[in-house]
PDB file of N, CA and C in Angstrom:
ATOM      1  N   MET A   1       0.822  -1.194   0.000  1.00  0.00           N
ATOM      2  CA  MET A   1       0.000   0.000   0.000  1.00  0.00           C
ATOM      3  C   MET A   1       0.864   1.255   0.000  1.00  0.00           C
ATOM      4  N   LYS A   2       1.982   1.216   0.749  1.00  0.00           N
ATOM      5  CA  LYS A   2       2.842   2.391   0.813  1.00  0.00           C
ATOM      6  C   LYS A   2       3.434   2.723  -0.548  1.00  0.00           C
ATOM      7  N   ASN A   3       3.789   1.688  -1.315  1.00  0.00           N
ATOM      8  CA  ASN A   3       4.382   1.935  -2.623  1.00  0.00           C
ATOM      9  C   ASN A   3       3.390   2.581  -3.576  1.00  0.00           C
ATOM     10  N   LYS A   4       2.110   2.216  -3.484  1.00  0.00           N
ATOM     11  CA  LYS A   4       1.105   2.825  -4.347  1.00  0.00           C
ATOM     12  C   LYS A   4       0.942   4.304  -4.025  1.00  0.00           C
ATOM     13  N   ILE A   5       0.935   4.635  -2.746  1.00  0.00           N
ATOM     14  CA  ILE A   5       0.812   6.033  -2.342  1.00  0.00           C
ATOM     15  C   ILE A   5       2.049   6.809  -2.766  1.00  0.00           C
ATOM     16  N   LEU A   6       3.209   6.223  -2.581  1.00  0.00           N
ATOM     17  CA  LEU A   6       4.457   6.874  -2.965  1.00  0.00           C
ATOM     18  C   LEU A   6       4.511   7.103  -4.469  1.00  0.00           C
ATOM     19  N   ASN A   7       4.104   6.116  -5.242  1.00  0.00           N
ATOM     20  CA  ASN A   7       4.079   6.272  -6.695  1.00  0.00           C
ATOM     21  C   ASN A   7       3.112   7.371  -7.109  1.00  0.00           C
ATOM     22  N   PHE A   8       1.974   7.468  -6.428  1.00  0.00           N
ATOM     23  CA  PHE A   8       1.013   8.521  -6.741  1.00  0.00           C
ATOM     24  C   PHE A   8       1.586   9.899  -6.418  1.00  0.00           C
ATOM     25  N   VAL A   9       2.285  10.024  -5.304  1.00  0.00           N
ATOM     26  CA  VAL A   9       2.888  11.309  -4.929  1.00  0.00           C
ATOM     27  C   VAL A   9       3.943  11.722  -5.947  1.00  0.00           C
ATOM     28  N   VAL A  10       4.773  10.786  -6.372  1.00  0.00           N
ATOM     29  CA  VAL A  10       5.795  11.094  -7.372  1.00  0.00           C
ATOM     30  C   VAL A  10       5.144  11.502  -8.685  1.00  0.00           C
ATOM     31  N   LEU A  11       4.114  10.791  -9.101  1.00  0.00           N
ATOM     32  CA  LEU A  11       3.400  11.142 -10.326  1.00  0.00           C
ATOM     33  C   LEU A  11       2.782  12.528 -10.225  1.00  0.00           C
ATOM     34  N   ALA A  12       2.161  12.844  -9.089  1.00  0.00           N
ATOM     35  CA  ALA A  12       1.558  14.159  -8.903  1.00  0.00           C
ATOM     36  C   ALA A  12       2.613  15.258  -8.933  1.00  0.00           C
ATOM     37  N   LEU A  13       3.777  15.024  -8.334  1.00  0.00           N
ATOM     38  CA  LEU A  13       4.850  16.019  -8.370  1.00  0.00           C
ATOM     39  C   LEU A  13       5.339  16.268  -9.790  1.00  0.00           C
ATOM     40  N   ILE A  14       5.529  15.201 -10.535  1.00  0.00           N
ATOM     41  CA  ILE A  14       6.017  15.349 -11.904  1.00  0.00           C
ATOM     42  C   ILE A  14       4.986  16.066 -12.765  1.00  0.00           C
ATOM     43  N   LEU A  15       3.718  15.682 -12.643  1.00  0.00           N
ATOM     44  CA  LEU A  15       2.675  16.327 -13.444  1.00  0.00           C
ATOM     45  C   LEU A  15       2.507  17.798 -13.080  1.00  0.00           C
ATOM     46  N   SER A  16       2.539  18.121 -11.788  1.00  0.00           N
ATOM     47  CA  SER A  16       2.389  19.523 -11.392  1.00  0.00           C
ATOM     48  C   SER A  16       3.574  20.352 -11.869  1.00  0.00           C
ATOM     49  N   ALA A  17       4.772  19.794 -11.812  1.00  0.00           N
ATOM     50  CA  ALA A  17       5.942  20.520 -12.312  1.00  0.00           C
ATOM     51  C   ALA A  17       5.834  20.744 -13.815  1.00  0.00           C
ATOM     52  N   MET A  18       5.335  19.755 -14.557  1.00  0.00           N
ATOM     53  CA  MET A  18       5.178  19.914 -16.002  1.00  0.00           C
ATOM     54  C   MET A  18       4.150  20.982 -16.330  1.00  0.00           C
ATOM     55  N   VAL A  19       3.033  20.997 -15.619  1.00  0.00           N
ATOM     56  CA  VAL A  19       1.982  21.987 -15.879  1.00  0.00           C
ATOM     57  C   VAL A  19       2.481  23.389 -15.555  1.00  0.00           C
ATOM     58  N   ILE A  20       3.122  23.550 -14.417  1.00  0.00           N
ATOM     59  CA  ILE A  20       3.582  24.874 -14.006  1.00  0.00           C
ATOM     60  C   ILE A  20       4.696  25.372 -14.917  1.00  0.00           C
ATOM     61  N   ASN A  21       5.540  24.479 -15.414  1.00  0.00           N
ATOM     62  CA  ASN A  21       6.606  24.903 -16.324  1.00  0.00           C
ATOM     63  C   ASN A  21       6.056  25.399 -17.652  1.00  0.00           C
ATOM     64  N   ASN A  22       4.865  24.981 -18.026  1.00  0.00           N
ATOM     65  CA  ASN A  22       4.274  25.427 -19.283  1.00  0.00           C
ATOM     66  C   ASN A  22       3.507  26.732 -19.154  1.00  0.00           C
ATOM     67  N   LEU A  23       3.320  27.239 -17.941  1.00  0.00           N
ATOM     68  CA  LEU A  23       2.636  28.508 -17.758  1.00  0.00           C
ATOM     69  C   LEU A  23       3.609  29.659 -17.986  1.00  0.00           C
ATOM     70  N   GLU A  24       3.111  30.733 -18.566  1.00  0.00           N
ATOM     71  CA  GLU A  24       3.957  31.894 -18.842  1.00  0.00           C
ATOM     72  C   GLU A  24       3.821  32.922 -17.731  1.00  0.00           C
ATOM     73  N   GLY A  25       4.899  33.607 -17.423  1.00  0.00           N
ATOM     74  CA  GLY A  25       4.867  34.734 -16.504  1.00  0.00           C
ATOM     75  C   GLY A  25       4.889  34.396 -15.031  1.00  0.00           C
ATOM     76  N   LEU A  26       5.167  33.166 -14.677  1.00  0.00           N
ATOM     77  CA  LEU A  26       5.201  32.783 -13.265  1.00  0.00           C
ATOM     78  C   LEU A  26       6.588  32.279 -12.879  1.00  0.00           C
ATOM     79  N   HIS A  27       7.615  33.006 -13.295  1.00  0.00           N
ATOM     80  CA  HIS A  27       8.982  32.523 -13.097  1.00  0.00           C
ATOM     81  C   HIS A  27       9.327  32.248 -11.631  1.00  0.00           C
ATOM     82  N   PRO A  28       9.048  33.162 -10.682  1.00  0.00           N
ATOM     83  CA  PRO A  28       9.395  32.847  -9.281  1.00  0.00           C
ATOM     84  C   PRO A  28       8.627  31.631  -8.752  1.00  0.00           C
ATOM     85  N   PHE A  29       7.355  31.515  -9.136  1.00  0.00           N
ATOM     86  CA  PHE A  29       6.544  30.383  -8.701  1.00  0.00           C
ATOM     87  C   PHE A  29       7.079  29.085  -9.291  1.00  0.00           C
ATOM     88  N   LYS A  30       7.530  29.140 -10.547  1.00  0.00           N
ATOM     89  CA  LYS A  30       8.114  27.959 -11.186  1.00  0.00           C
ATOM     90  C   LYS A  30       9.349  27.497 -10.436  1.00  0.00           C
ATOM     91  N   MET A  31      10.195  28.455 -10.066  1.00  0.00           N
ATOM     92  CA  MET A  31      11.424  28.098  -9.354  1.00  0.00           C
ATOM     93  C   MET A  31      11.114  27.439  -8.021  1.00  0.00           C
ATOM     94  N   ILE A  32      10.141  27.980  -7.297  1.00  0.00           N
ATOM     95  CA  ILE A  32       9.781  27.431  -5.989  1.00  0.00           C
ATOM     96  C   ILE A  32       9.239  26.016  -6.135  1.00  0.00           C
ATOM     97  N   VAL A  33       8.309  25.824  -7.067  1.00  0.00           N
ATOM     98  CA  VAL A  33       7.707  24.499  -7.257  1.00  0.00           C
ATOM     99  C   VAL A  33       8.753  23.487  -7.716  1.00  0.00           C
ATOM    100  N   ASN A  34       9.616  23.889  -8.646  1.00  0.00           N
ATOM    101  CA  ASN A  34      10.653  22.968  -9.120  1.00  0.00           C
ATOM    102  C   ASN A  34      11.615  22.589  -8.003  1.00  0.00           C
ATOM    103  N   ASN A  35      12.005  23.556  -7.178  1.00  0.00           N
ATOM    104  CA  ASN A  35      12.923  23.259  -6.078  1.00  0.00           C
ATOM    105  C   ASN A  35      12.275  22.358  -5.037  1.00  0.00           C
ATOM    106  N   VAL A  36      11.009  22.604  -4.727  1.00  0.00           N
ATOM    107  CA  VAL A  36      10.304  21.755  -3.759  1.00  0.00           C
ATOM    108  C   VAL A  36      10.153  20.336  -4.308  1.00  0.00           C
ATOM    109  N   ALA A  37       9.753  20.221  -5.576  1.00  0.00           N
ATOM    110  CA  ALA A  37       9.589  18.899  -6.188  1.00  0.00           C
ATOM    111  C   ALA A  37      10.918  18.147  -6.220  1.00  0.00           C
ATOM    112  N   MET A  38      11.992  18.838  -6.570  1.00  0.00           N
ATOM    113  CA  MET A  38      13.297  18.196  -6.614  1.00  0.00           C
ATOM    114  C   MET A  38      13.735  17.756  -5.218  1.00  0.00           C
ATOM    115  N   GLY A  39      13.503  18.588  -4.232  1.00  0.00           N
ATOM    116  CA  GLY A  39      13.862  18.230  -2.859  1.00  0.00           C
ATOM    117  C   GLY A  39      13.095  17.024  -2.356  1.00  0.00           C
ATOM    118  N   ILE A  40      11.802  16.979  -2.641  1.00  0.00           N
ATOM    119  CA  ILE A  40      10.987  15.845  -2.205  1.00  0.00           C
ATOM    120  C   ILE A  40      11.423  14.565  -2.909  1.00  0.00           C
ATOM    121  N   LEU A  41      11.706  14.653  -4.207  1.00  0.00           N
ATOM    122  CA  LEU A  41      12.165  13.465  -4.928  1.00  0.00           C
ATOM    123  C   LEU A  41      13.519  12.981  -4.408  1.00  0.00           C
ATOM    124  N   ILE A  42      14.397  13.912  -4.026  1.00  0.00           N
ATOM    125  CA  ILE A  42      15.683  13.516  -3.442  1.00  0.00           C
ATOM    126  C   ILE A  42      15.468  12.826  -2.104  1.00  0.00           C
ATOM    127  N   LEU A  43      14.559  13.356  -1.282  1.00  0.00           N
ATOM    128  CA  LEU A  43      14.268  12.725   0.005  1.00  0.00           C
ATOM    129  C   LEU A  43      13.689  11.326  -0.175  1.00  0.00           C
ATOM    130  N   ILE A  44      12.782  11.174  -1.134  1.00  0.00           N
ATOM    131  CA  ILE A  44      12.190   9.860  -1.394  1.00  0.00           C
ATOM    132  C   ILE A  44      13.265   8.883  -1.864  1.00  0.00           C
ATOM    133  N   GLY A  45      14.134   9.336  -2.763  1.00  0.00           N
ATOM    134  CA  GLY A  45      15.205   8.470  -3.253  1.00  0.00           C
ATOM    135  C   GLY A  45      16.172   8.069  -2.160  1.00  0.00           C
ATOM    136  N   SER A  46      16.530   9.014  -1.299  1.00  0.00           N
ATOM    137  CA  SER A  46      17.457   8.679  -0.212  1.00  0.00           C
ATOM    138  C   SER A  46      16.799   7.739   0.797  1.00  0.00           C
ATOM    139  N   ASP A  47      15.493   7.901   1.020  1.00  0.00           N
ATOM    140  CA  ASP A  47      14.780   6.987   1.914  1.00  0.00           C
ATOM    141  C   ASP A  47      14.767   5.574   1.347  1.00  0.00           C
ATOM    142  N   HIS A  48      14.523   5.445   0.045  1.00  0.00           N
ATOM    143  CA  HIS A  48      14.554   4.122  -0.590  1.00  0.00           C
ATOM    144  C   HIS A  48      15.945   3.506  -0.513  1.00  0.00           C
ATOM    145  N   LEU A  49      16.973   4.308  -0.745  1.00  0.00           N
ATOM    146  CA  LEU A  49      18.340   3.800  -0.671  1.00  0.00           C
ATOM    147  C   LEU A  49      18.674   3.345   0.744  1.00  0.00           C
ATOM    148  N   TYR A  50      18.276   4.120   1.741  1.00  0.00           N
ATOM    149  CA  TYR A  50      18.525   3.760   3.139  1.00  0.00           C
ATOM    150  C   TYR A  50      17.827   2.447   3.495  1.00  0.00           C
ATOM    151  N   ARG A  51      16.565   2.303   3.075  1.00  0.00           N
ATOM    152  CA  ARG A  51      15.830   1.062   3.360  1.00  0.00           C
ATOM    153  C   ARG A  51      16.471  -0.136   2.664  1.00  0.00           C
ATOM    154  N   HIS A  52      16.918   0.067   1.432  1.00  0.00           N
ATOM    155  CA  HIS A  52      17.561  -1.022   0.687  1.00  0.00           C
ATOM    156  C   HIS A  52      18.856  -1.444   1.372  1.00  0.00           C
ATOM    157  N   LEU A  53      19.668  -0.475   1.774  1.00  0.00           N
ATOM    158  CA  LEU A  53      20.924  -0.803   2.449  1.00  0.00           C
ATOM    159  C   LEU A  53      20.674  -1.465   3.794  1.00  0.00           C
ATOM    160  N   LYS A  54      19.643  -1.023   4.493  1.00  0.00           N
ATOM    161  CA  LYS A  54      19.307  -1.602   5.793  1.00  0.00           C
ATOM    162  C   LYS A  54      18.860  -3.057   5.630  1.00  0.00           C
ATOM    163  N   ARG A  55      18.052  -3.327   4.585  1.00  0.00           N
ATOM    164  CA  ARG A  55      17.596  -4.692   4.324  1.00  0.00           C
ATOM    165  C   ARG A  55      18.740  -5.593   3.890  1.00  0.00           C
ATOM    166  N   SER A  56      19.650  -5.072   3.081  1.00  0.00           N
ATOM    167  CA  SER A  56      20.744  -5.909   2.582  1.00  0.00           C
ATOM    168  C   SER A  56      21.745  -6.241   3.685  1.00  0.00           C
ATOM    169  N   LYS A  57      21.876  -5.390   4.691  1.00  0.00           N
ATOM    170  CA  LYS A  57      22.782  -5.688   5.804  1.00  0.00           C
ATOM    171  C   LYS A  57      22.218  -6.784   6.701  1.00  0.00           C
ATOM    172  N   THR A  58      20.899  -6.850   6.837  1.00  0.00           N
ATOM    173  CA  THR A  58      20.294  -7.846   7.719  1.00  0.00           C
ATOM    174  C   THR A  58      20.264  -9.226   7.083  1.00  0.00           C
ATOM    175  N   GLN A  59      20.371  -9.318   5.776  1.00  0.00           N
ATOM    176  CA  GLN A  59      20.287 -10.622   5.107  1.00  0.00           C
ATOM    177  C   GLN A  59      21.567 -11.342   5.119  1.00  0.00           C
TER     178      GLN A  59
END
């Protein structure tokens, strides 16, 4: 269940970034949304890497 929610969040971030990047005249808003989306994706990736390393050490 967690993976489905996580996949939905990643999809929503990517779609919102694509929509906002296509809007004209919102440069500061684009920068904020892109930076937030990138930060969240980095956090998700690092969390997955940490869980993978934690699982591989226990096996």
